[in-house]
PDB file of N, CA and C in Angstrom:
ATOM      1  N   MET A   1       1.250 152.633  -5.234  1.00  0.00           N
ATOM      2  CA  MET A   1       1.284 151.745  -4.098  1.00  0.00           C
ATOM      3  C   MET A   1       1.429 150.313  -4.570  1.00  0.00           C
ATOM      4  N   GLY A   2       2.103 149.552  -3.808  1.00  0.00           N
ATOM      5  CA  GLY A   2       2.238 148.147  -4.100  1.00  0.00           C
ATOM      6  C   GLY A   2       0.968 147.401  -3.772  1.00  0.00           C
ATOM      7  N   VAL A   3       0.965 146.114  -4.006  1.00  0.00           N
ATOM      8  CA  VAL A   3      -0.206 145.299  -3.739  1.00  0.00           C
ATOM      9  C   VAL A   3      -0.573 145.352  -2.264  1.00  0.00           C
ATOM     10  N   THR A   4       0.408 145.395  -1.375  1.00  0.00           N
ATOM     11  CA  THR A   4       0.152 145.414   0.062  1.00  0.00           C
ATOM     12  C   THR A   4      -0.152 146.802   0.582  1.00  0.00           C
ATOM     13  N   GLY A   5       0.050 147.831  -0.211  1.00  0.00           N
ATOM     14  CA  GLY A   5      -0.210 149.193   0.211  1.00  0.00           C
ATOM     15  C   GLY A   5       0.996 149.867   0.819  1.00  0.00           C
ATOM     16  N   ILE A   6       2.084 149.140   0.997  1.00  0.00           N
ATOM     17  CA  ILE A   6       3.311 149.706   1.554  1.00  0.00           C
ATOM     18  C   ILE A   6       4.214 150.102   0.403  1.00  0.00           C
ATOM     19  N   ARG A   7       4.743 151.299   0.470  1.00  0.00           N
ATOM     20  CA  ARG A   7       5.564 151.807  -0.624  1.00  0.00           C
ATOM     21  C   ARG A   7       7.032 151.782  -0.231  1.00  0.00           C
ATOM     22  N   GLY A   8       7.855 151.138  -1.018  1.00  0.00           N
ATOM     23  CA  GLY A   8       9.289 151.112  -0.784  1.00  0.00           C
ATOM     24  C   GLY A   8       9.998 151.932  -1.837  1.00  0.00           C
ATOM     25  N   ARG A   9      11.241 151.583  -2.092  1.00  0.00           N
ATOM     26  CA  ARG A   9      11.992 152.268  -3.158  1.00  0.00           C
ATOM     27  C   ARG A   9      11.361 151.979  -4.498  1.00  0.00           C
ATOM     28  N   LYS A  10      11.537 152.911  -5.399  1.00  0.00           N
ATOM     29  CA  LYS A  10      10.993 152.732  -6.745  1.00  0.00           C
ATOM     30  C   LYS A  10      11.830 151.722  -7.508  1.00  0.00           C
ATOM     31  N   SER A  11      11.129 150.882  -8.270  1.00  0.00           N
ATOM     32  CA  SER A  11      11.826 149.906  -9.105  1.00  0.00           C
ATOM     33  C   SER A  11      12.470 150.620 -10.283  1.00  0.00           C
ATOM     34  N   LYS A  12      13.332 149.923 -10.975  1.00  0.00           N
ATOM     35  CA  LYS A  12      13.974 150.502 -12.162  1.00  0.00           C
ATOM     36  C   LYS A  12      12.931 150.813 -13.231  1.00  0.00           C
ATOM     37  N   VAL A  13      11.885 149.997 -13.314  1.00  0.00           N
ATOM     38  CA  VAL A  13      10.818 150.252 -14.282  1.00  0.00           C
ATOM     39  C   VAL A  13      10.106 151.553 -13.926  1.00  0.00           C
ATOM     40  N   GLU A  14       9.762 151.739 -12.652  1.00  0.00           N
ATOM     41  CA  GLU A  14       9.111 152.980 -12.227  1.00  0.00           C
ATOM     42  C   GLU A  14      10.004 154.186 -12.474  1.00  0.00           C
ATOM     43  N   GLN A  15      11.278 154.066 -12.190  1.00  0.00           N
ATOM     44  CA  GLN A  15      12.218 155.159 -12.426  1.00  0.00           C
ATOM     45  C   GLN A  15      12.275 155.505 -13.914  1.00  0.00           C
ATOM     46  N   PHE A  16      12.335 154.474 -14.753  1.00  0.00           N
ATOM     47  CA  PHE A  16      12.371 154.685 -16.199  1.00  0.00           C
ATOM     48  C   PHE A  16      11.101 155.386 -16.677  1.00  0.00           C
ATOM     49  N   LEU A  17       9.937 154.882 -16.228  1.00  0.00           N
ATOM     50  CA  LEU A  17       8.677 155.468 -16.663  1.00  0.00           C
ATOM     51  C   LEU A  17       8.571 156.923 -16.253  1.00  0.00           C
ATOM     52  N   GLU A  18       8.963 157.233 -15.043  1.00  0.00           N
ATOM     53  CA  GLU A  18       8.892 158.620 -14.593  1.00  0.00           C
ATOM     54  C   GLU A  18       9.857 159.521 -15.357  1.00  0.00           C
ATOM     55  N   ALA A  19      11.031 159.000 -15.690  1.00  0.00           N
ATOM     56  CA  ALA A  19      12.040 159.806 -16.387  1.00  0.00           C
ATOM     57  C   ALA A  19      11.737 159.957 -17.873  1.00  0.00           C
ATOM     58  N   GLN A  20      11.252 158.900 -18.515  1.00  0.00           N
ATOM     59  CA  GLN A  20      11.127 158.902 -19.966  1.00  0.00           C
ATOM     60  C   GLN A  20       9.707 159.045 -20.496  1.00  0.00           C
ATOM     61  N   VAL A  21       8.721 158.699 -19.702  1.00  0.00           N
ATOM     62  CA  VAL A  21       7.349 158.666 -20.210  1.00  0.00           C
ATOM     63  C   VAL A  21       6.478 159.755 -19.597  1.00  0.00           C
ATOM     64  N   LYS A  22       6.544 159.902 -18.301  1.00  0.00           N
ATOM     65  CA  LYS A  22       5.663 160.821 -17.594  1.00  0.00           C
ATOM     66  C   LYS A  22       5.847 162.264 -18.049  1.00  0.00           C
ATOM     67  N   ARG A  23       7.037 162.638 -18.454  1.00  0.00           N
ATOM     68  CA  ARG A  23       7.298 164.019 -18.877  1.00  0.00           C
ATOM     69  C   ARG A  23       6.524 164.401 -20.133  1.00  0.00           C
ATOM     70  N   PHE A  24       6.020 163.404 -20.870  1.00  0.00           N
ATOM     71  CA  PHE A  24       5.222 163.681 -22.069  1.00  0.00           C
ATOM     72  C   PHE A  24       3.733 163.742 -21.752  1.00  0.00           C
ATOM     73  N   GLY A  25       3.394 163.658 -20.464  1.00  0.00           N
ATOM     74  CA  GLY A  25       1.996 163.738 -20.067  1.00  0.00           C
ATOM     75  C   GLY A  25       1.254 162.427 -20.174  1.00  0.00           C
ATOM     76  N   ILE A  26       1.982 161.343 -20.325  1.00  0.00           N
ATOM     77  CA  ILE A  26       1.352 160.030 -20.418  1.00  0.00           C
ATOM     78  C   ILE A  26       1.091 159.521 -19.011  1.00  0.00           C
ATOM     79  N   ARG A  27      -0.136 159.103 -18.768  1.00  0.00           N
ATOM     80  CA  ARG A  27      -0.515 158.611 -17.448  1.00  0.00           C
ATOM     81  C   ARG A  27       0.059 157.210 -17.237  1.00  0.00           C
ATOM     82  N   ILE A  28       0.620 157.015 -16.070  1.00  0.00           N
ATOM     83  CA  ILE A  28       1.207 155.718 -15.719  1.00  0.00           C
ATOM     84  C   ILE A  28       0.326 155.095 -14.656  1.00  0.00           C
ATOM     85  N   ARG A  29      -0.161 153.893 -14.916  1.00  0.00           N
ATOM     86  CA  ARG A  29      -0.999 153.190 -13.952  1.00  0.00           C
ATOM     87  C   ARG A  29      -0.238 152.037 -13.334  1.00  0.00           C
ATOM     88  N   GLY A  30      -0.790 151.512 -12.259  1.00  0.00           N
ATOM     89  CA  GLY A  30      -0.214 150.313 -11.668  1.00  0.00           C
ATOM     90  C   GLY A  30       0.439 150.624 -10.353  1.00  0.00           C
ATOM     91  N   PRO A  31       1.114 149.721  -9.782  1.00  0.00           N
ATOM     92  CA  PRO A  31       1.343 148.352 -10.243  1.00  0.00           C
ATOM     93  C   PRO A  31       0.081 147.507 -10.140  1.00  0.00           C
ATOM     94  N   TYR A  32       0.031 146.476 -10.916  1.00  0.00           N
ATOM     95  CA  TYR A  32      -1.125 145.600 -10.982  1.00  0.00           C
ATOM     96  C   TYR A  32      -0.881 144.344 -10.156  1.00  0.00           C
ATOM     97  N   GLY A  33      -1.912 143.956  -9.427  1.00  0.00           N
ATOM     98  CA  GLY A  33      -1.826 142.762  -8.601  1.00  0.00           C
ATOM     99  C   GLY A  33      -1.998 141.487  -9.396  1.00  0.00           C
ATOM    100  N   ASN A  34      -2.686 141.613 -10.553  1.00  0.00           N
ATOM    101  CA  ASN A  34      -2.881 140.436 -11.400  1.00  0.00           C
ATOM    102  C   ASN A  34      -3.048 140.870 -12.852  1.00  0.00           C
ATOM    103  N   VAL A  35      -2.911 139.924 -13.726  1.00  0.00           N
ATOM    104  CA  VAL A  35      -2.953 140.210 -15.162  1.00  0.00           C
ATOM    105  C   VAL A  35      -4.355 140.623 -15.594  1.00  0.00           C
ATOM    106  N   GLU A  36      -5.380 140.062 -14.963  1.00  0.00           N
ATOM    107  CA  GLU A  36      -6.748 140.376 -15.364  1.00  0.00           C
ATOM    108  C   GLU A  36      -7.061 141.858 -15.187  1.00  0.00           C
ATOM    109  N   SER A  37      -6.604 142.467 -14.082  1.00  0.00           N
ATOM    110  CA  SER A  37      -6.870 143.892 -13.897  1.00  0.00           C
ATOM    111  C   SER A  37      -6.097 144.731 -14.914  1.00  0.00           C
ATOM    112  N   LEU A  38      -4.924 144.271 -15.307  1.00  0.00           N
ATOM    113  CA  LEU A  38      -4.175 144.952 -16.361  1.00  0.00           C
ATOM    114  C   LEU A  38      -4.937 144.872 -17.675  1.00  0.00           C
ATOM    115  N   TYR A  39      -5.442 143.679 -18.015  1.00  0.00           N
ATOM    116  CA  TYR A  39      -6.217 143.508 -19.244  1.00  0.00           C
ATOM    117  C   TYR A  39      -7.462 144.397 -19.235  1.00  0.00           C
ATOM    118  N   ASP A  40      -8.138 144.468 -18.097  1.00  0.00           N
ATOM    119  CA  ASP A  40      -9.335 145.303 -17.996  1.00  0.00           C
ATOM    120  C   ASP A  40      -9.006 146.766 -18.295  1.00  0.00           C
ATOM    121  N   ASP A  41      -7.930 147.277 -17.714  1.00  0.00           N
ATOM    122  CA  ASP A  41      -7.554 148.673 -17.954  1.00  0.00           C
ATOM    123  C   ASP A  41      -7.125 148.903 -19.400  1.00  0.00           C
ATOM    124  N   ILE A  42      -6.436 147.939 -19.990  1.00  0.00           N
ATOM    125  CA  ILE A  42      -6.044 148.060 -21.401  1.00  0.00           C
ATOM    126  C   ILE A  42      -7.280 148.146 -22.282  1.00  0.00           C
ATOM    127  N   LEU A  43      -8.258 147.272 -22.042  1.00  0.00           N
ATOM    128  CA  LEU A  43      -9.480 147.287 -22.850  1.00  0.00           C
ATOM    129  C   LEU A  43     -10.259 148.580 -22.666  1.00  0.00           C
ATOM    130  N   LYS A  44     -10.317 149.090 -21.441  1.00  0.00           N
ATOM    131  CA  LYS A  44     -11.000 150.364 -21.196  1.00  0.00           C
ATOM    132  C   LYS A  44     -10.291 151.500 -21.934  1.00  0.00           C
ATOM    133  N   ASP A  45      -8.964 151.518 -21.872  1.00  0.00           N
ATOM    134  CA  ASP A  45      -8.205 152.561 -22.557  1.00  0.00           C
ATOM    135  C   ASP A  45      -8.382 152.480 -24.070  1.00  0.00           C
ATOM    136  N   LEU A  46      -8.377 151.271 -24.609  1.00  0.00           N
ATOM    137  CA  LEU A  46      -8.583 151.098 -26.050  1.00  0.00           C
ATOM    138  C   LEU A  46      -9.970 151.571 -26.468  1.00  0.00           C
ATOM    139  N   ALA A  47     -10.981 151.232 -25.673  1.00  0.00           N
ATOM    140  CA  ALA A  47     -12.343 151.668 -25.986  1.00  0.00           C
ATOM    141  C   ALA A  47     -12.433 153.186 -25.975  1.00  0.00           C
ATOM    142  N   TYR A  48     -11.811 153.819 -25.002  1.00  0.00           N
ATOM    143  CA  TYR A  48     -11.819 155.275 -24.922  1.00  0.00           C
ATOM    144  C   TYR A  48     -11.127 155.885 -26.143  1.00  0.00           C
ATOM    145  N   GLU A  49      -9.953 155.371 -26.487  1.00  0.00           N
ATOM    146  CA  GLU A  49      -9.220 155.921 -27.629  1.00  0.00           C
ATOM    147  C   GLU A  49      -9.987 155.718 -28.927  1.00  0.00           C
ATOM    148  N   MET A  50     -10.636 154.572 -29.080  1.00  0.00           N
ATOM    149  CA  MET A  50     -11.423 154.313 -30.288  1.00  0.00           C
ATOM    150  C   MET A  50     -12.601 155.279 -30.388  1.00  0.00           C
ATOM    151  N   SER A  51     -13.259 155.548 -29.274  1.00  0.00           N
ATOM    152  CA  SER A  51     -14.383 156.487 -29.320  1.00  0.00           C
ATOM    153  C   SER A  51     -13.899 157.900 -29.647  1.00  0.00           C
ATOM    154  N   GLU A  52     -12.740 158.280 -29.131  1.00  0.00           N
ATOM    155  CA  GLU A  52     -12.180 159.599 -29.467  1.00  0.00           C
ATOM    156  C   GLU A  52     -11.827 159.679 -30.949  1.00  0.00           C
ATOM    157  N   LEU A  53     -11.264 158.615 -31.497  1.00  0.00           N
ATOM    158  CA  LEU A  53     -10.943 158.603 -32.930  1.00  0.00           C
ATOM    159  C   LEU A  53     -12.203 158.678 -33.776  1.00  0.00           C
ATOM    160  N   ALA A  54     -13.255 157.978 -33.355  1.00  0.00           N
ATOM    161  CA  ALA A  54     -14.523 158.025 -34.087  1.00  0.00           C
ATOM    162  C   ALA A  54     -15.112 159.433 -34.052  1.00  0.00           C
ATOM    163  N   ARG A  55     -15.075 160.084 -32.883  1.00  0.00           N
ATOM    164  CA  ARG A  55     -15.577 161.463 -32.783  1.00  0.00           C
ATOM    165  C   ARG A  55     -14.791 162.402 -33.702  1.00  0.00           C
ATOM    166  N   GLU A  56     -13.493 162.224 -33.727  1.00  0.00           N
ATOM    167  CA  GLU A  56     -12.661 163.068 -34.588  1.00  0.00           C
ATOM    168  C   GLU A  56     -12.986 162.842 -36.053  1.00  0.00           C
ATOM    169  N   ALA A  57     -13.173 161.578 -36.442  1.00  0.00           N
ATOM    170  CA  ALA A  57     -13.500 161.266 -37.834  1.00  0.00           C
ATOM    171  C   ALA A  57     -14.841 161.870 -38.223  1.00  0.00           C
ATOM    172  N   VAL A  58     -15.827 161.805 -37.344  1.00  0.00           N
ATOM    173  CA  VAL A  58     -17.132 162.397 -37.626  1.00  0.00           C
ATOM    174  C   VAL A  58     -17.001 163.905 -37.790  1.00  0.00           C
ATOM    175  N   SER A  59     -16.216 164.528 -36.952  1.00  0.00           N
ATOM    176  CA  SER A  59     -16.015 165.970 -37.037  1.00  0.00           C
ATOM    177  C   SER A  59     -15.386 166.357 -38.369  1.00  0.00           C
ATOM    178  N   VAL A  60     -14.383 165.635 -38.785  1.00  0.00           N
ATOM    179  CA  VAL A  60     -13.714 165.919 -40.057  1.00  0.00           C
ATOM    180  C   VAL A  60     -14.668 165.698 -41.226  1.00  0.00           C
ATOM    181  N   ARG A  61     -15.453 164.626 -41.163  1.00  0.00           N
ATOM    182  CA  ARG A  61     -16.409 164.351 -42.247  1.00  0.00           C
ATOM    183  C   ARG A  61     -17.451 165.463 -42.345  1.00  0.00           C
ATOM    184  N   ARG A  62     -17.897 165.982 -41.203  1.00  0.00           N
ATOM    185  CA  ARG A  62     -18.868 167.081 -41.223  1.00  0.00           C
ATOM    186  C   ARG A  62     -18.282 168.317 -41.898  1.00  0.00           C
ATOM    187  N   ILE A  63     -17.045 168.635 -41.561  1.00  0.00           N
ATOM    188  CA  ILE A  63     -16.387 169.800 -42.166  1.00  0.00           C
ATOM    189  C   ILE A  63     -16.283 169.617 -43.677  1.00  0.00           C
ATOM    190  N   ILE A  64     -15.852 168.450 -44.102  1.00  0.00           N
ATOM    191  CA  ILE A  64     -15.722 168.173 -45.540  1.00  0.00           C
ATOM    192  C   ILE A  64     -17.082 168.243 -46.218  1.00  0.00           C
ATOM    193  N   HIS A  65     -18.100 167.644 -45.593  1.00  0.00           N
ATOM    194  CA  HIS A  65     -19.435 167.627 -46.181  1.00  0.00           C
ATOM    195  C   HIS A  65     -19.992 169.048 -46.337  1.00  0.00           C
ATOM    196  N   ARG A  66     -19.787 169.889 -45.326  1.00  0.00           N
ATOM    197  CA  ARG A  66     -20.286 171.276 -45.398  1.00  0.00           C
ATOM    198  C   ARG A  66     -19.616 172.041 -46.537  1.00  0.00           C
ATOM    199  N   ARG A  67     -18.352 171.760 -46.776  1.00  0.00           N
ATOM    200  CA  ARG A  67     -17.642 172.473 -47.842  1.00  0.00           C
ATOM    201  C   ARG A  67     -18.043 171.991 -49.238  1.00  0.00           C
ATOM    202  N   LEU A  68     -18.553 170.756 -49.318  1.00  0.00           N
ATOM    203  CA  LEU A  68     -18.956 170.215 -50.616  1.00  0.00           C
ATOM    204  C   LEU A  68     -20.332 170.698 -51.047  1.00  0.00           C
ATOM    205  N   ILE A  69     -21.179 171.082 -50.077  1.00  0.00           N
ATOM    206  CA  ILE A  69     -22.517 171.534 -50.408  1.00  0.00           C
ATOM    207  C   ILE A  69     -22.437 172.952 -50.964  1.00  0.00           C
ATOM    208  N   PRO A  70     -23.002 173.167 -52.188  1.00  0.00           N
ATOM    209  CA  PRO A  70     -22.904 174.499 -52.816  1.00  0.00           C
ATOM    210  C   PRO A  70     -23.749 175.545 -52.130  1.00  0.00           C
TER     211      PRO A  70
END
């Protein structure tokens, strides 16, 4: 939905994202009414991805550690 809540034709950017990005399962957000809300979502997404990477690293370290113990 647009900022006003009325939906018109899709922009070329929306068409591109749906054709080239969405098919890979990547979530598309927006449109954004202001830059601050975009920044907020970017920071939230980065925090989520960082926590997932940390969980994965801990899991791998546990597996390695278990194999090193005689």
